[in-house]
PDB file of all heavy atoms in Angstrom:
ATOM      1  N   ASP A   1      10.927 -14.699  -4.477  1.00  0.00           N
ATOM      2  CA  ASP A   1      10.976 -13.751  -5.633  1.00  0.00           C
ATOM      3  C   ASP A   1      11.535 -12.480  -5.191  1.00  0.00           C
ATOM      4  O   ASP A   1      11.054 -11.844  -4.084  1.00  0.00           O
ATOM      5  CB  ASP A   1       9.555 -13.615  -6.146  1.00  0.00           C
ATOM      6  CG  ASP A   1       9.468 -12.784  -7.515  1.00  0.00           C
ATOM      7  OD1 ASP A   1      10.355 -11.990  -7.665  1.00  0.00           O
ATOM      8  OD2 ASP A   1       8.563 -13.075  -8.185  1.00  0.00           O
ATOM      9  N   PRO A   2      12.441 -11.832  -5.906  1.00  0.00           N
ATOM     10  CA  PRO A   2      13.105 -10.606  -5.391  1.00  0.00           C
ATOM     11  C   PRO A   2      12.077  -9.419  -5.544  1.00  0.00           C
ATOM     12  O   PRO A   2      12.262  -8.385  -4.878  1.00  0.00           O
ATOM     13  CB  PRO A   2      14.289 -10.417  -6.381  1.00  0.00           C
ATOM     14  CG  PRO A   2      13.980 -11.322  -7.564  1.00  0.00           C
ATOM     15  CD  PRO A   2      13.087 -12.351  -7.061  1.00  0.00           C
ATOM     16  N   ASP A   3      10.985  -9.553  -6.175  1.00  0.00           N
ATOM     17  CA  ASP A   3      10.025  -8.517  -6.283  1.00  0.00           C
ATOM     18  C   ASP A   3       8.986  -8.565  -5.266  1.00  0.00           C
ATOM     19  O   ASP A   3       8.248  -7.619  -5.051  1.00  0.00           O
ATOM     20  CB  ASP A   3       9.315  -8.559  -7.723  1.00  0.00           C
ATOM     21  CG  ASP A   3      10.226  -8.234  -8.814  1.00  0.00           C
ATOM     22  OD1 ASP A   3      11.203  -7.370  -8.539  1.00  0.00           O
ATOM     23  OD2 ASP A   3      10.087  -8.823  -9.868  1.00  0.00           O
ATOM     24  N   GLN A   4       9.033  -9.612  -4.386  1.00  0.00           N
ATOM     25  CA  GLN A   4       7.977  -9.784  -3.469  1.00  0.00           C
ATOM     26  C   GLN A   4       8.051  -8.729  -2.301  1.00  0.00           C
ATOM     27  O   GLN A   4       7.117  -8.106  -1.951  1.00  0.00           O
ATOM     28  CB  GLN A   4       8.002 -11.173  -2.687  1.00  0.00           C
ATOM     29  CG  GLN A   4       6.983 -11.413  -1.709  1.00  0.00           C
ATOM     30  CD  GLN A   4       7.058 -12.780  -1.118  1.00  0.00           C
ATOM     31  OE1 GLN A   4       7.958 -13.612  -1.566  1.00  0.00           O
ATOM     32  NE2 GLN A   4       6.205 -13.004  -0.172  1.00  0.00           N
ATOM     33  N   ALA A   5       9.259  -8.510  -1.785  1.00  0.00           N
ATOM     34  CA  ALA A   5       9.369  -7.518  -0.710  1.00  0.00           C
ATOM     35  C   ALA A   5       8.994  -6.068  -1.087  1.00  0.00           C
ATOM     36  O   ALA A   5       8.167  -5.441  -0.439  1.00  0.00           O
ATOM     37  CB  ALA A   5      10.719  -7.568  -0.107  1.00  0.00           C
ATOM     38  N   PRO A   6       9.498  -5.558  -2.236  1.00  0.00           N
ATOM     39  CA  PRO A   6       9.077  -4.290  -2.759  1.00  0.00           C
ATOM     40  C   PRO A   6       7.641  -4.128  -2.995  1.00  0.00           C
ATOM     41  O   PRO A   6       6.904  -3.222  -2.760  1.00  0.00           O
ATOM     42  CB  PRO A   6       9.934  -4.171  -4.021  1.00  0.00           C
ATOM     43  CG  PRO A   6      11.019  -5.007  -3.984  1.00  0.00           C
ATOM     44  CD  PRO A   6      10.502  -6.122  -3.148  1.00  0.00           C
ATOM     45  N   ALA A   7       7.057  -5.342  -3.594  1.00  0.00           N
ATOM     46  CA  ALA A   7       5.608  -5.259  -3.832  1.00  0.00           C
ATOM     47  C   ALA A   7       4.683  -5.223  -2.572  1.00  0.00           C
ATOM     48  O   ALA A   7       3.838  -4.525  -2.492  1.00  0.00           O
ATOM     49  CB  ALA A   7       5.223  -6.532  -4.533  1.00  0.00           C
ATOM     50  N   GLU A   8       5.106  -5.952  -1.581  1.00  0.00           N
ATOM     51  CA  GLU A   8       4.575  -5.976  -0.188  1.00  0.00           C
ATOM     52  C   GLU A   8       4.558  -4.675   0.389  1.00  0.00           C
ATOM     53  O   GLU A   8       3.606  -3.995   0.871  1.00  0.00           O
ATOM     54  CB  GLU A   8       5.096  -7.026   0.694  1.00  0.00           C
ATOM     55  CG  GLU A   8       4.684  -8.422   0.362  1.00  0.00           C
ATOM     56  CD  GLU A   8       5.460  -9.484   1.049  1.00  0.00           C
ATOM     57  OE1 GLU A   8       6.415  -9.151   1.880  1.00  0.00           O
ATOM     58  OE2 GLU A   8       4.962 -10.694   1.033  1.00  0.00           O
ATOM     59  N   ALA A   9       5.757  -3.932   0.315  1.00  0.00           N
ATOM     60  CA  ALA A   9       5.897  -2.648   0.933  1.00  0.00           C
ATOM     61  C   ALA A   9       5.050  -1.576   0.135  1.00  0.00           C
ATOM     62  O   ALA A   9       4.499  -0.697   0.788  1.00  0.00           O
ATOM     63  CB  ALA A   9       7.431  -2.243   0.834  1.00  0.00           C
ATOM     64  N   ALA A  10       5.078  -1.700  -1.257  1.00  0.00           N
ATOM     65  CA  ALA A  10       4.229  -0.815  -1.971  1.00  0.00           C
ATOM     66  C   ALA A  10       2.795  -1.018  -1.726  1.00  0.00           C
ATOM     67  O   ALA A  10       1.990  -0.006  -1.640  1.00  0.00           O
ATOM     68  CB  ALA A  10       4.491  -0.950  -3.429  1.00  0.00           C
ATOM     69  N   MET A  11       2.333  -2.188  -1.547  1.00  0.00           N
ATOM     70  CA  MET A  11       0.955  -2.475  -1.228  1.00  0.00           C
ATOM     71  C   MET A  11       0.551  -1.913   0.131  1.00  0.00           C
ATOM     72  O   MET A  11      -0.594  -1.318   0.325  1.00  0.00           O
ATOM     73  CB  MET A  11       0.589  -3.947  -1.292  1.00  0.00           C
ATOM     74  CG  MET A  11       0.451  -4.498  -2.744  1.00  0.00           C
ATOM     75  SD  MET A  11      -0.758  -3.687  -3.737  1.00  0.00           S
ATOM     76  CE  MET A  11      -2.230  -4.067  -2.763  1.00  0.00           C
ATOM     77  N   LYS A  12       1.481  -2.017   1.012  1.00  0.00           N
ATOM     78  CA  LYS A  12       1.259  -1.518   2.412  1.00  0.00           C
ATOM     79  C   LYS A  12       1.031   0.081   2.302  1.00  0.00           C
ATOM     80  O   LYS A  12       0.202   0.665   2.991  1.00  0.00           O
ATOM     81  CB  LYS A  12       2.392  -1.768   3.351  1.00  0.00           C
ATOM     82  CG  LYS A  12       1.884  -2.680   4.498  1.00  0.00           C
ATOM     83  CD  LYS A  12       3.070  -2.995   5.423  1.00  0.00           C
ATOM     84  CE  LYS A  12       2.863  -4.158   6.018  1.00  0.00           C
ATOM     85  NZ  LYS A  12       2.773  -4.843   7.077  1.00  0.00           N
ATOM     86  N   ALA A  13       2.026   0.681   1.566  1.00  0.00           N
ATOM     87  CA  ALA A  13       1.981   2.108   1.442  1.00  0.00           C
ATOM     88  C   ALA A  13       0.613   2.559   0.750  1.00  0.00           C
ATOM     89  O   ALA A  13       0.057   3.550   1.079  1.00  0.00           O
ATOM     90  CB  ALA A  13       3.144   2.606   0.619  1.00  0.00           C
ATOM     91  N   ALA A  14       0.270   1.735  -0.314  1.00  0.00           N
ATOM     92  CA  ALA A  14      -1.046   1.996  -1.062  1.00  0.00           C
ATOM     93  C   ALA A  14      -2.255   1.887  -0.090  1.00  0.00           C
ATOM     94  O   ALA A  14      -3.123   2.703  -0.090  1.00  0.00           O
ATOM     95  CB  ALA A  14      -1.126   1.101  -2.292  1.00  0.00           C
ATOM     96  N   GLU A  15      -2.217   0.875   0.591  1.00  0.00           N
ATOM     97  CA  GLU A  15      -3.329   0.705   1.577  1.00  0.00           C
ATOM     98  C   GLU A  15      -3.416   1.856   2.660  1.00  0.00           C
ATOM     99  O   GLU A  15      -4.505   2.228   2.983  1.00  0.00           O
ATOM    100  CB  GLU A  15      -3.168  -0.613   2.289  1.00  0.00           C
ATOM    101  CG  GLU A  15      -3.520  -1.829   1.386  1.00  0.00           C
ATOM    102  CD  GLU A  15      -3.191  -3.123   2.043  1.00  0.00           C
ATOM    103  OE1 GLU A  15      -2.470  -3.238   3.086  1.00  0.00           O
ATOM    104  OE2 GLU A  15      -3.631  -4.192   1.458  1.00  0.00           O
ATOM    105  N   SER A  16      -2.252   2.309   3.068  1.00  0.00           N
ATOM    106  CA  SER A  16      -2.208   3.505   3.929  1.00  0.00           C
ATOM    107  C   SER A  16      -2.746   4.754   3.262  1.00  0.00           C
ATOM    108  O   SER A  16      -3.599   5.459   3.889  1.00  0.00           O
ATOM    109  CB  SER A  16      -0.709   3.717   4.389  1.00  0.00           C
ATOM    110  OG  SER A  16      -0.609   4.929   5.144  1.00  0.00           O
ATOM    111  N   GLU A  17      -2.518   4.897   2.064  1.00  0.00           N
ATOM    112  CA  GLU A  17      -2.995   6.098   1.339  1.00  0.00           C
ATOM    113  C   GLU A  17      -4.538   5.972   1.170  1.00  0.00           C
ATOM    114  O   GLU A  17      -5.227   6.923   1.497  1.00  0.00           O
ATOM    115  CB  GLU A  17      -2.374   6.159  -0.177  1.00  0.00           C
ATOM    116  CG  GLU A  17      -1.045   6.698  -0.178  1.00  0.00           C
ATOM    117  CD  GLU A  17      -0.843   8.130  -0.014  1.00  0.00           C
ATOM    118  OE1 GLU A  17      -1.743   8.930  -0.479  1.00  0.00           O
ATOM    119  OE2 GLU A  17      -0.042   8.602   0.742  1.00  0.00           O
ATOM    120  N   VAL A  18      -5.059   4.814   0.904  1.00  0.00           N
ATOM    121  CA  VAL A  18      -6.429   4.567   0.661  1.00  0.00           C
ATOM    122  C   VAL A  18      -7.167   4.765   2.112  1.00  0.00           C
ATOM    123  O   VAL A  18      -8.273   5.328   2.033  1.00  0.00           O
ATOM    124  CB  VAL A  18      -6.709   3.206   0.102  1.00  0.00           C
ATOM    125  CG1 VAL A  18      -8.158   2.897   0.026  1.00  0.00           C
ATOM    126  CG2 VAL A  18      -6.193   3.115  -1.340  1.00  0.00           C
ATOM    127  N   SER A  19      -6.509   4.396   3.079  1.00  0.00           N
ATOM    128  CA  SER A  19      -7.135   4.554   4.431  1.00  0.00           C
ATOM    129  C   SER A  19      -7.394   5.990   4.803  1.00  0.00           C
ATOM    130  O   SER A  19      -8.322   6.328   5.532  1.00  0.00           O
ATOM    131  CB  SER A  19      -6.474   3.694   5.444  1.00  0.00           C
ATOM    132  OG  SER A  19      -5.200   4.553   5.799  1.00  0.00           O
ATOM    133  N   ARG A  20      -6.650   6.830   4.187  1.00  0.00           N
ATOM    134  CA  ARG A  20      -6.830   8.314   4.481  1.00  0.00           C
ATOM    135  C   ARG A  20      -7.951   8.897   3.682  1.00  0.00           C
ATOM    136  O   ARG A  20      -8.330  10.054   4.025  1.00  0.00           O
ATOM    137  CB  ARG A  20      -5.467   8.920   4.157  1.00  0.00           C
ATOM    138  CG  ARG A  20      -4.409   8.824   5.203  1.00  0.00           C
ATOM    139  CD  ARG A  20      -3.293   9.804   5.107  1.00  0.00           C
ATOM    140  NE  ARG A  20      -2.140   8.917   4.877  1.00  0.00           N
ATOM    141  CZ  ARG A  20      -1.067   9.274   4.140  1.00  0.00           C
ATOM    142  NH1 ARG A  20      -1.051  10.336   3.579  1.00  0.00           N
ATOM    143  NH2 ARG A  20      -0.078   8.483   4.087  1.00  0.00           N
ATOM    144  N   LEU A  21      -8.463   8.184   2.698  1.00  0.00           N
ATOM    145  CA  LEU A  21      -9.683   8.789   2.045  1.00  0.00           C
ATOM    146  C   LEU A  21     -10.806   8.846   3.086  1.00  0.00           C
ATOM    147  O   LEU A  21     -11.170   7.922   3.701  1.00  0.00           O
ATOM    148  CB  LEU A  21      -9.996   7.902   0.876  1.00  0.00           C
ATOM    149  CG  LEU A  21      -9.134   8.033  -0.413  1.00  0.00           C
ATOM    150  CD1 LEU A  21      -9.692   7.088  -1.490  1.00  0.00           C
ATOM    151  CD2 LEU A  21      -9.040   9.368  -0.842  1.00  0.00           C
ATOM    152  N   GLY A  22     -11.450  10.028   3.133  1.00  0.00           N
ATOM    153  CA  GLY A  22     -12.584  10.166   3.974  1.00  0.00           C
ATOM    154  C   GLY A  22     -13.852   9.798   3.339  1.00  0.00           C
ATOM    155  O   GLY A  22     -13.989   9.436   2.169  1.00  0.00           O
ATOM    156  N   GLY A  23     -15.022   9.819   4.117  1.00  0.00           N
ATOM    157  CA  GLY A  23     -16.239   9.539   3.558  1.00  0.00           C
ATOM    158  C   GLY A  23     -16.714  10.556   2.630  1.00  0.00           C
ATOM    159  O   GLY A  23     -17.574  10.243   1.697  1.00  0.00           O
ATOM    160  N   ASP A  24     -16.131  11.779   2.712  1.00  0.00           N
ATOM    161  CA  ASP A  24     -16.554  12.818   1.746  1.00  0.00           C
ATOM    162  C   ASP A  24     -16.142  12.478   0.351  1.00  0.00           C
ATOM    163  O   ASP A  24     -16.850  12.758  -0.609  1.00  0.00           O
ATOM    164  CB  ASP A  24     -15.842  14.117   2.146  1.00  0.00           C
ATOM    165  CG  ASP A  24     -16.477  14.827   3.344  1.00  0.00           C
ATOM    166  OD1 ASP A  24     -17.602  14.458   3.738  1.00  0.00           O
ATOM    167  OD2 ASP A  24     -15.914  15.938   3.806  1.00  0.00           O
TER     168      ASP A  24
END
């Protein structure tokens, strides 16, 4: 699927953003 690679990249970026959320 041509949307697979962009979706995987976007999910990786989203996971990175979420990982920066602190306990606060």
